[in-house]
Structure formats: C-alpha cells, structure tokens
Amino acid sequence: MFFSFFMYFSGLLVFCMKRKHLLLMLLSLEFIILSLYFNLFIYLSDFNFEFYFSMIFLTMSVCEGALGLSILVSLIRTHGNDYFQTFSMLW
C-alpha cells in the first residue's frame, strides 16, 4: 500500500516540476493513473470484490492516454515542438 502512495506522490512531483514539456506531463499523468490502478487492484483484492471495475478503469485510462497522445501529435504538427511557451495566443 505504501508503494502505491509513493508512486502517486512521485508522479505528482514530476508533474509539477516538468510543466514546460507536454510529453513529460502526459507521461507523469499516465504514471499517476498506473499508481491509482495498482492501488485499486490492492484494495479490491483485500476485500474479495470482483475485478470488473478495474477492467473498466483500465479501459478508460487507455482511452485517456490515446487522446492525450493524439493532442500531442496535433500540437507538434501545428507548432513544431511541445513547449508550453509557444502555445500562448498573445505572441
């Protein structure tokens, strides 16, 4: 249980520190989702519940990852890089 909390908070730390690159932010979000899935799996196995909800959670997280990757590809094609400084509309 402590390992999943450590994974979650280290993912949050990386998300807060690497806010300049969109790719690094998406990777840290996926790491946070992985730690939440691990925590959910441990929780459901302790109480002998069915693991059907974990399969739904995994499906939704894969869809979220594919959506983030498609947004990243679209932004790199239009702007040329993944820096947040170049996405400003004021420039």
PDB file of N, CA and C in Angstrom:
ATOM      1  N   MET A   1       0.823  -1.188   0.000  1.00  0.00           N
ATOM      2  CA  MET A   1       0.000   0.000   0.000  1.00  0.00           C
ATOM      3  C   MET A   1       0.875   1.263   0.000  1.00  0.00           C
ATOM      4  N   PHE A   2       1.969   1.223   0.748  1.00  0.00           N
ATOM      5  CA  PHE A   2       2.870   2.377   0.796  1.00  0.00           C
ATOM      6  C   PHE A   2       3.518   2.619  -0.562  1.00  0.00           C
ATOM      7  N   PHE A   3       3.787   1.557  -1.300  1.00  0.00           N
ATOM      8  CA  PHE A   3       4.434   1.690  -2.608  1.00  0.00           C
ATOM      9  C   PHE A   3       3.545   2.434  -3.600  1.00  0.00           C
ATOM     10  N   SER A   4       2.239   2.171  -3.566  1.00  0.00           N
ATOM     11  CA  SER A   4       1.341   2.861  -4.494  1.00  0.00           C
ATOM     12  C   SER A   4       1.211   4.338  -4.135  1.00  0.00           C
ATOM     13  N   PHE A   5       1.236   4.675  -2.831  1.00  0.00           N
ATOM     14  CA  PHE A   5       1.210   6.087  -2.449  1.00  0.00           C
ATOM     15  C   PHE A   5       2.503   6.781  -2.838  1.00  0.00           C
ATOM     16  N   PHE A   6       3.626   6.079  -2.714  1.00  0.00           N
ATOM     17  CA  PHE A   6       4.901   6.641  -3.148  1.00  0.00           C
ATOM     18  C   PHE A   6       4.898   6.879  -4.656  1.00  0.00           C
ATOM     19  N   MET A   7       4.350   5.946  -5.418  1.00  0.00           N
ATOM     20  CA  MET A   7       4.242   6.122  -6.868  1.00  0.00           C
ATOM     21  C   MET A   7       3.368   7.328  -7.203  1.00  0.00           C
ATOM     22  N   TYR A   8       2.251   7.470  -6.498  1.00  0.00           N
ATOM     23  CA  TYR A   8       1.323   8.568  -6.762  1.00  0.00           C
ATOM     24  C   TYR A   8       1.979   9.920  -6.488  1.00  0.00           C
ATOM     25  N   PHE A   9       2.630  10.056  -5.338  1.00  0.00           N
ATOM     26  CA  PHE A   9       3.230  11.339  -4.994  1.00  0.00           C
ATOM     27  C   PHE A   9       4.480  11.640  -5.825  1.00  0.00           C
ATOM     28  N   SER A  10       5.203  10.634  -6.237  1.00  0.00           N
ATOM     29  CA  SER A  10       6.328  10.899  -7.133  1.00  0.00           C
ATOM     30  C   SER A  10       5.826  11.311  -8.518  1.00  0.00           C
ATOM     31  N   GLY A  11       4.706  10.763  -8.967  1.00  0.00           N
ATOM     32  CA  GLY A  11       4.107  11.212 -10.219  1.00  0.00           C
ATOM     33  C   GLY A  11       3.614  12.642 -10.134  1.00  0.00           C
ATOM     34  N   LEU A  12       3.033  13.014  -8.993  1.00  0.00           N
ATOM     35  CA  LEU A  12       2.619  14.402  -8.798  1.00  0.00           C
ATOM     36  C   LEU A  12       3.806  15.353  -8.772  1.00  0.00           C
ATOM     37  N   LEU A  13       4.887  14.915  -8.148  1.00  0.00           N
ATOM     38  CA  LEU A  13       6.091  15.741  -8.085  1.00  0.00           C
ATOM     39  C   LEU A  13       6.667  15.971  -9.475  1.00  0.00           C
ATOM     40  N   VAL A  14       6.742  14.932 -10.275  1.00  0.00           N
ATOM     41  CA  VAL A  14       7.249  15.081 -11.643  1.00  0.00           C
ATOM     42  C   VAL A  14       6.303  15.933 -12.473  1.00  0.00           C
ATOM     43  N   PHE A  15       4.995  15.790 -12.256  1.00  0.00           N
ATOM     44  CA  PHE A  15       4.015  16.596 -12.984  1.00  0.00           C
ATOM     45  C   PHE A  15       4.183  18.079 -12.667  1.00  0.00           C
ATOM     46  N   CYS A  16       4.464  18.393 -11.415  1.00  0.00           N
ATOM     47  CA  CYS A  16       4.646  19.792 -11.027  1.00  0.00           C
ATOM     48  C   CYS A  16       5.990  20.348 -11.480  1.00  0.00           C
ATOM     49  N   MET A  17       7.022  19.513 -11.502  1.00  0.00           N
ATOM     50  CA  MET A  17       8.354  20.010 -11.851  1.00  0.00           C
ATOM     51  C   MET A  17       8.568  20.130 -13.354  1.00  0.00           C
ATOM     52  N   LYS A  18       7.989  19.252 -14.140  1.00  0.00           N
ATOM     53  CA  LYS A  18       8.226  19.232 -15.588  1.00  0.00           C
ATOM     54  C   LYS A  18       7.033  19.819 -16.339  1.00  0.00           C
ATOM     55  N   ARG A  19       6.656  21.040 -16.004  1.00  0.00           N
ATOM     56  CA  ARG A  19       5.476  21.638 -16.611  1.00  0.00           C
ATOM     57  C   ARG A  19       5.770  22.382 -17.915  1.00  0.00           C
ATOM     58  N   LYS A  20       6.997  22.335 -18.383  1.00  0.00           N
ATOM     59  CA  LYS A  20       7.324  23.020 -19.625  1.00  0.00           C
ATOM     60  C   LYS A  20       7.044  22.162 -20.852  1.00  0.00           C
ATOM     61  N   HIS A  21       7.214  20.840 -20.731  1.00  0.00           N
ATOM     62  CA  HIS A  21       7.027  19.936 -21.856  1.00  0.00           C
ATOM     63  C   HIS A  21       5.705  19.188 -21.705  1.00  0.00           C
ATOM     64  N   LEU A  22       4.931  19.154 -22.757  1.00  0.00           N
ATOM     65  CA  LEU A  22       3.653  18.455 -22.728  1.00  0.00           C
ATOM     66  C   LEU A  22       3.855  16.950 -22.660  1.00  0.00           C
ATOM     67  N   LEU A  23       4.871  16.422 -23.329  1.00  0.00           N
ATOM     68  CA  LEU A  23       5.122  14.976 -23.324  1.00  0.00           C
ATOM     69  C   LEU A  23       5.458  14.470 -21.926  1.00  0.00           C
ATOM     70  N   LEU A  24       6.295  15.189 -21.206  1.00  0.00           N
ATOM     71  CA  LEU A  24       6.641  14.780 -19.847  1.00  0.00           C
ATOM     72  C   LEU A  24       5.447  14.871 -18.909  1.00  0.00           C
ATOM     73  N   MET A  25       4.581  15.849 -19.136  1.00  0.00           N
ATOM     74  CA  MET A  25       3.372  15.955 -18.317  1.00  0.00           C
ATOM     75  C   MET A  25       2.427  14.797 -18.593  1.00  0.00           C
ATOM     76  N   LEU A  26       2.297  14.409 -19.844  1.00  0.00           N
ATOM     77  CA  LEU A  26       1.433  13.278 -20.181  1.00  0.00           C
ATOM     78  C   LEU A  26       1.983  11.966 -19.627  1.00  0.00           C
ATOM     79  N   LEU A  27       3.306  11.804 -19.667  1.00  0.00           N
ATOM     80  CA  LEU A  27       3.908  10.602 -19.100  1.00  0.00           C
ATOM     81  C   LEU A  27       3.724  10.536 -17.587  1.00  0.00           C
ATOM     82  N   SER A  28       3.839  11.660 -16.920  1.00  0.00           N
ATOM     83  CA  SER A  28       3.624  11.645 -15.471  1.00  0.00           C
ATOM     84  C   SER A  28       2.155  11.409 -15.134  1.00  0.00           C
ATOM     85  N   LEU A  29       1.246  11.899 -15.951  1.00  0.00           N
ATOM     86  CA  LEU A  29      -0.175  11.601 -15.732  1.00  0.00           C
ATOM     87  C   LEU A  29      -0.466  10.117 -15.911  1.00  0.00           C
ATOM     88  N   GLU A  30       0.164   9.496 -16.888  1.00  0.00           N
ATOM     89  CA  GLU A  30      -0.008   8.057 -17.066  1.00  0.00           C
ATOM     90  C   GLU A  30       0.584   7.278 -15.896  1.00  0.00           C
ATOM     91  N   PHE A  31       1.676   7.774 -15.335  1.00  0.00           N
ATOM     92  CA  PHE A  31       2.265   7.138 -14.161  1.00  0.00           C
ATOM     93  C   PHE A  31       1.339   7.261 -12.949  1.00  0.00           C
ATOM     94  N   ILE A  32       0.674   8.408 -12.814  1.00  0.00           N
ATOM     95  CA  ILE A  32      -0.298   8.593 -11.733  1.00  0.00           C
ATOM     96  C   ILE A  32      -1.474   7.645 -11.915  1.00  0.00           C
ATOM     97  N   ILE A  33      -1.944   7.496 -13.142  1.00  0.00           N
ATOM     98  CA  ILE A  33      -3.052   6.577 -13.421  1.00  0.00           C
ATOM     99  C   ILE A  33      -2.638   5.135 -13.124  1.00  0.00           C
ATOM    100  N   LEU A  34      -1.402   4.790 -13.448  1.00  0.00           N
ATOM    101  CA  LEU A  34      -0.905   3.447 -13.151  1.00  0.00           C
ATOM    102  C   LEU A  34      -0.846   3.192 -11.650  1.00  0.00           C
ATOM    103  N   SER A  35      -0.432   4.193 -10.883  1.00  0.00           N
ATOM    104  CA  SER A  35      -0.400   4.025  -9.431  1.00  0.00           C
ATOM    105  C   SER A  35      -1.809   3.929  -8.851  1.00  0.00           C
ATOM    106  N   LEU A  36      -2.755   4.674  -9.406  1.00  0.00           N
ATOM    107  CA  LEU A  36      -4.142   4.558  -8.949  1.00  0.00           C
ATOM    108  C   LEU A  36      -4.728   3.195  -9.289  1.00  0.00           C
ATOM    109  N   TYR A  37      -4.367   2.662 -10.446  1.00  0.00           N
ATOM    110  CA  TYR A  37      -4.827   1.328 -10.824  1.00  0.00           C
ATOM    111  C   TYR A  37      -4.241   0.275  -9.887  1.00  0.00           C
ATOM    112  N   PHE A  38      -2.975   0.425  -9.556  1.00  0.00           N
ATOM    113  CA  PHE A  38      -2.329  -0.507  -8.630  1.00  0.00           C
ATOM    114  C   PHE A  38      -2.979  -0.443  -7.248  1.00  0.00           C
ATOM    115  N   ASN A  39      -3.289   0.769  -6.787  1.00  0.00           N
ATOM    116  CA  ASN A  39      -3.947   0.946  -5.502  1.00  0.00           C
ATOM    117  C   ASN A  39      -5.355   0.355  -5.527  1.00  0.00           C
ATOM    118  N   LEU A  40      -6.070   0.534  -6.609  1.00  0.00           N
ATOM    119  CA  LEU A  40      -7.410  -0.034  -6.755  1.00  0.00           C
ATOM    120  C   LEU A  40      -7.364  -1.555  -6.778  1.00  0.00           C
ATOM    121  N   PHE A  41      -6.368  -2.111  -7.438  1.00  0.00           N
ATOM    122  CA  PHE A  41      -6.224  -3.560  -7.505  1.00  0.00           C
ATOM    123  C   PHE A  41      -5.941  -4.153  -6.124  1.00  0.00           C
ATOM    124  N   ILE A  42      -5.084  -3.479  -5.357  1.00  0.00           N
ATOM    125  CA  ILE A  42      -4.804  -3.936  -3.993  1.00  0.00           C
ATOM    126  C   ILE A  42      -6.048  -3.834  -3.125  1.00  0.00           C
ATOM    127  N   TYR A  43      -6.785  -2.734  -3.263  1.00  0.00           N
ATOM    128  CA  TYR A  43      -7.992  -2.534  -2.467  1.00  0.00           C
ATOM    129  C   TYR A  43      -9.039  -3.598  -2.780  1.00  0.00           C
ATOM    130  N   LEU A  44      -9.238  -3.888  -4.056  1.00  0.00           N
ATOM    131  CA  LEU A  44     -10.246  -4.886  -4.432  1.00  0.00           C
ATOM    132  C   LEU A  44      -9.824  -6.298  -4.056  1.00  0.00           C
ATOM    133  N   SER A  45      -8.538  -6.569  -4.073  1.00  0.00           N
ATOM    134  CA  SER A  45      -8.096  -7.913  -3.693  1.00  0.00           C
ATOM    135  C   SER A  45      -8.171  -8.136  -2.185  1.00  0.00           C
ATOM    136  N   ASP A  46      -8.032  -7.075  -1.396  1.00  0.00           N
ATOM    137  CA  ASP A  46      -8.139  -7.219   0.060  1.00  0.00           C
ATOM    138  C   ASP A  46      -9.561  -7.549   0.509  1.00  0.00           C
ATOM    139  N   PHE A  47     -10.551  -7.014  -0.185  1.00  0.00           N
ATOM    140  CA  PHE A  47     -11.931  -7.204   0.235  1.00  0.00           C
ATOM    141  C   PHE A  47     -12.679  -8.244  -0.602  1.00  0.00           C
ATOM    142  N   ASN A  48     -11.962  -8.979  -1.430  1.00  0.00           N
ATOM    143  CA  ASN A  48     -12.519 -10.056  -2.256  1.00  0.00           C
ATOM    144  C   ASN A  48     -13.664  -9.582  -3.153  1.00  0.00           C
ATOM    145  N   PHE A  49     -13.528  -8.365  -3.693  1.00  0.00           N
ATOM    146  CA  PHE A  49     -14.503  -7.883  -4.651  1.00  0.00           C
ATOM    147  C   PHE A  49     -14.134  -8.394  -6.036  1.00  0.00           C
ATOM    148  N   GLU A  50     -15.057  -8.201  -6.963  1.00  0.00           N
ATOM    149  CA  GLU A  50     -14.754  -8.587  -8.336  1.00  0.00           C
ATOM    150  C   GLU A  50     -13.857  -7.529  -8.968  1.00  0.00           C
ATOM    151  N   PHE A  51     -13.109  -7.940  -9.940  1.00  0.00           N
ATOM    152  CA  PHE A  51     -12.169  -7.048 -10.595  1.00  0.00           C
ATOM    153  C   PHE A  51     -12.732  -6.467 -11.888  1.00  0.00           C
ATOM    154  N   TYR A  52     -14.040  -6.463 -12.038  1.00  0.00           N
ATOM    155  CA  TYR A  52     -14.651  -5.921 -13.245  1.00  0.00           C
ATOM    156  C   TYR A  52     -14.459  -4.406 -13.321  1.00  0.00           C
ATOM    157  N   PHE A  53     -14.563  -3.732 -12.201  1.00  0.00           N
ATOM    158  CA  PHE A  53     -14.365  -2.278 -12.183  1.00  0.00           C
ATOM    159  C   PHE A  53     -12.936  -1.907 -12.563  1.00  0.00           C
ATOM    160  N   SER A  54     -11.969  -2.719 -12.175  1.00  0.00           N
ATOM    161  CA  SER A  54     -10.586  -2.416 -12.547  1.00  0.00           C
ATOM    162  C   SER A  54     -10.381  -2.528 -14.057  1.00  0.00           C
ATOM    163  N   MET A  55     -11.108  -3.440 -14.708  1.00  0.00           N
ATOM    164  CA  MET A  55     -11.022  -3.541 -16.171  1.00  0.00           C
ATOM    165  C   MET A  55     -11.642  -2.307 -16.845  1.00  0.00           C
ATOM    166  N   ILE A  56     -12.733  -1.797 -16.299  1.00  0.00           N
ATOM    167  CA  ILE A  56     -13.338  -0.574 -16.837  1.00  0.00           C
ATOM    168  C   ILE A  56     -12.395   0.608 -16.630  1.00  0.00           C
ATOM    169  N   PHE A  57     -11.781   0.687 -15.446  1.00  0.00           N
ATOM    170  CA  PHE A  57     -10.835   1.762 -15.155  1.00  0.00           C
ATOM    171  C   PHE A  57      -9.641   1.700 -16.098  1.00  0.00           C
ATOM    172  N   LEU A  58      -9.135   0.521 -16.361  1.00  0.00           N
ATOM    173  CA  LEU A  58      -8.005   0.365 -17.273  1.00  0.00           C
ATOM    174  C   LEU A  58      -8.387   0.756 -18.696  1.00  0.00           C
ATOM    175  N   THR A  59      -9.577   0.412 -19.121  1.00  0.00           N
ATOM    176  CA  THR A  59     -10.053   0.785 -20.453  1.00  0.00           C
ATOM    177  C   THR A  59     -10.159   2.299 -20.603  1.00  0.00           C
ATOM    178  N   MET A  60     -10.720   2.955 -19.594  1.00  0.00           N
ATOM    179  CA  MET A  60     -10.849   4.412 -19.647  1.00  0.00           C
ATOM    180  C   MET A  60      -9.488   5.105 -19.597  1.00  0.00           C
ATOM    181  N   SER A  61      -8.548   4.555 -18.861  1.00  0.00           N
ATOM    182  CA  SER A  61      -7.219   5.166 -18.803  1.00  0.00           C
ATOM    183  C   SER A  61      -6.470   4.999 -20.124  1.00  0.00           C
ATOM    184  N   VAL A  62      -6.688   3.895 -20.812  1.00  0.00           N
ATOM    185  CA  VAL A  62      -6.073   3.712 -22.139  1.00  0.00           C
ATOM    186  C   VAL A  62      -6.675   4.697 -23.132  1.00  0.00           C
ATOM    187  N   CYS A  63      -7.980   4.918 -23.048  1.00  0.00           N
ATOM    188  CA  CYS A  63      -8.615   5.910 -23.920  1.00  0.00           C
ATOM    189  C   CYS A  63      -8.099   7.314 -23.632  1.00  0.00           C
ATOM    190  N   GLU A  64      -7.869   7.621 -22.365  1.00  0.00           N
ATOM    191  CA  GLU A  64      -7.328   8.920 -21.988  1.00  0.00           C
ATOM    192  C   GLU A  64      -5.903   9.084 -22.498  1.00  0.00           C
ATOM    193  N   GLY A  65      -5.122   8.026 -22.438  1.00  0.00           N
ATOM    194  CA  GLY A  65      -3.757   8.088 -22.954  1.00  0.00           C
ATOM    195  C   GLY A  65      -3.708   8.265 -24.460  1.00  0.00           C
ATOM    196  N   ALA A  66      -4.602   7.597 -25.170  1.00  0.00           N
ATOM    197  CA  ALA A  66      -4.649   7.748 -26.629  1.00  0.00           C
ATOM    198  C   ALA A  66      -5.106   9.147 -27.025  1.00  0.00           C
ATOM    199  N   LEU A  67      -6.026   9.707 -26.269  1.00  0.00           N
ATOM    200  CA  LEU A  67      -6.477  11.067 -26.543  1.00  0.00           C
ATOM    201  C   LEU A  67      -5.361  12.077 -26.286  1.00  0.00           C
ATOM    202  N   GLY A  68      -4.618  11.903 -25.208  1.00  0.00           N
ATOM    203  CA  GLY A  68      -3.504  12.791 -24.919  1.00  0.00           C
ATOM    204  C   GLY A  68      -2.407  12.692 -25.971  1.00  0.00           C
ATOM    205  N   LEU A  69      -2.148  11.485 -26.445  1.00  0.00           N
ATOM    206  CA  LEU A  69      -1.137  11.309 -27.487  1.00  0.00           C
ATOM    207  C   LEU A  69      -1.563  11.950 -28.801  1.00  0.00           C
ATOM    208  N   SER A  70      -2.843  11.856 -29.135  1.00  0.00           N
ATOM    209  CA  SER A  70      -3.321  12.488 -30.374  1.00  0.00           C
ATOM    210  C   SER A  70      -3.269  14.006 -30.265  1.00  0.00           C
ATOM    211  N   ILE A  71      -3.552  14.561 -29.096  1.00  0.00           N
ATOM    212  CA  ILE A  71      -3.421  16.012 -28.904  1.00  0.00           C
ATOM    213  C   ILE A  71      -1.961  16.424 -29.009  1.00  0.00           C
ATOM    214  N   LEU A  72      -1.070  15.623 -28.467  1.00  0.00           N
ATOM    215  CA  LEU A  72       0.364  15.921 -28.550  1.00  0.00           C
ATOM    216  C   LEU A  72       0.839  15.923 -29.997  1.00  0.00           C
ATOM    217  N   VAL A  73       0.434  14.939 -30.774  1.00  0.00           N
ATOM    218  CA  VAL A  73       0.831  14.874 -32.182  1.00  0.00           C
ATOM    219  C   VAL A  73       0.274  16.060 -32.956  1.00  0.00           C
ATOM    220  N   SER A  74      -0.969  16.434 -32.663  1.00  0.00           N
ATOM    221  CA  SER A  74      -1.577  17.575 -33.340  1.00  0.00           C
ATOM    222  C   SER A  74      -0.860  18.875 -33.005  1.00  0.00           C
ATOM    223  N   LEU A  75      -0.499  19.052 -31.749  1.00  0.00           N
ATOM    224  CA  LEU A  75       0.200  20.273 -31.364  1.00  0.00           C
ATOM    225  C   LEU A  75       1.610  20.331 -31.925  1.00  0.00           C
ATOM    226  N   ILE A  76       2.286  19.190 -32.008  1.00  0.00           N
ATOM    227  CA  ILE A  76       3.635  19.190 -32.588  1.00  0.00           C
ATOM    228  C   ILE A  76       3.581  19.464 -34.087  1.00  0.00           C
ATOM    229  N   ARG A  77       2.550  18.982 -34.748  1.00  0.00           N
ATOM    230  CA  ARG A  77       2.440  19.262 -36.191  1.00  0.00           C
ATOM    231  C   ARG A  77       2.129  20.723 -36.469  1.00  0.00           C
ATOM    232  N   THR A  78       1.344  21.363 -35.596  1.00  0.00           N
ATOM    233  CA  THR A  78       0.998  22.754 -35.859  1.00  0.00           C
ATOM    234  C   THR A  78       2.047  23.732 -35.344  1.00  0.00           C
ATOM    235  N   HIS A  79       2.672  23.453 -34.199  1.00  0.00           N
ATOM    236  CA  HIS A  79       3.606  24.394 -33.597  1.00  0.00           C
ATOM    237  C   HIS A  79       5.071  23.997 -33.749  1.00  0.00           C
ATOM    238  N   GLY A  80       5.364  22.735 -33.972  1.00  0.00           N
ATOM    239  CA  GLY A  80       6.737  22.300 -34.189  1.00  0.00           C
ATOM    240  C   GLY A  80       7.444  21.746 -32.969  1.00  0.00           C
ATOM    241  N   ASN A  81       6.926  21.987 -31.764  1.00  0.00           N
ATOM    242  CA  ASN A  81       7.531  21.446 -30.551  1.00  0.00           C
ATOM    243  C   ASN A  81       6.449  21.295 -29.485  1.00  0.00           C
ATOM    244  N   ASP A  82       6.856  20.837 -28.306  1.00  0.00           N
ATOM    245  CA  ASP A  82       5.868  20.622 -27.250  1.00  0.00           C
ATOM    246  C   ASP A  82       6.079  21.532 -26.049  1.00  0.00           C
ATOM    247  N   TYR A  83       6.720  22.675 -26.267  1.00  0.00           N
ATOM    248  CA  TYR A  83       6.883  23.646 -25.191  1.00  0.00           C
ATOM    249  C   TYR A  83       5.574  24.397 -24.972  1.00  0.00           C
ATOM    250  N   PHE A  84       5.251  24.645 -23.710  1.00  0.00           N
ATOM    251  CA  PHE A  84       4.039  25.406 -23.419  1.00  0.00           C
ATOM    252  C   PHE A  84       4.217  26.888 -23.702  1.00  0.00           C
ATOM    253  N   GLN A  85       5.441  27.344 -23.807  1.00  0.00           N
ATOM    254  CA  GLN A  85       5.685  28.757 -24.074  1.00  0.00           C
ATOM    255  C   GLN A  85       5.240  29.149 -25.478  1.00  0.00           C
ATOM    256  N   THR A  86       5.265  28.219 -26.416  1.00  0.00           N
ATOM    257  CA  THR A  86       4.886  28.541 -27.785  1.00  0.00           C
ATOM    258  C   THR A  86       3.389  28.412 -28.024  1.00  0.00           C
ATOM    259  N   PHE A  87       2.626  27.926 -27.035  1.00  0.00           N
ATOM    260  CA  PHE A  87       1.189  27.776 -27.224  1.00  0.00           C
ATOM    261  C   PHE A  87       0.402  29.021 -26.866  1.00  0.00           C
ATOM    262  N   SER A  88       1.084  30.072 -26.403  1.00  0.00           N
ATOM    263  CA  SER A  88       0.403  31.274 -25.978  1.00  0.00           C
ATOM    264  C   SER A  88      -0.187  31.995 -27.179  1.00  0.00           C
ATOM    265  N   MET A  89      -1.406  32.458 -27.029  1.00  0.00           N
ATOM    266  CA  MET A  89      -2.072  33.189 -28.119  1.00  0.00           C
ATOM    267  C   MET A  89      -1.686  34.661 -28.144  1.00  0.00           C
ATOM    268  N   LEU A  90      -1.011  35.153 -27.111  1.00  0.00           N
ATOM    269  CA  LEU A  90      -0.639  36.550 -27.044  1.00  0.00           C
ATOM    270  C   LEU A  90       0.586  36.877 -27.868  1.00  0.00           C
ATOM    271  N   TRP A  91       1.371  35.883 -28.267  1.00  0.00           N
ATOM    272  CA  TRP A  91       2.596  36.138 -29.008  1.00  0.00           C
ATOM    273  C   TRP A  91       2.257  36.431 -30.415  1.00  0.00           C
TER     274      TRP A  91
END
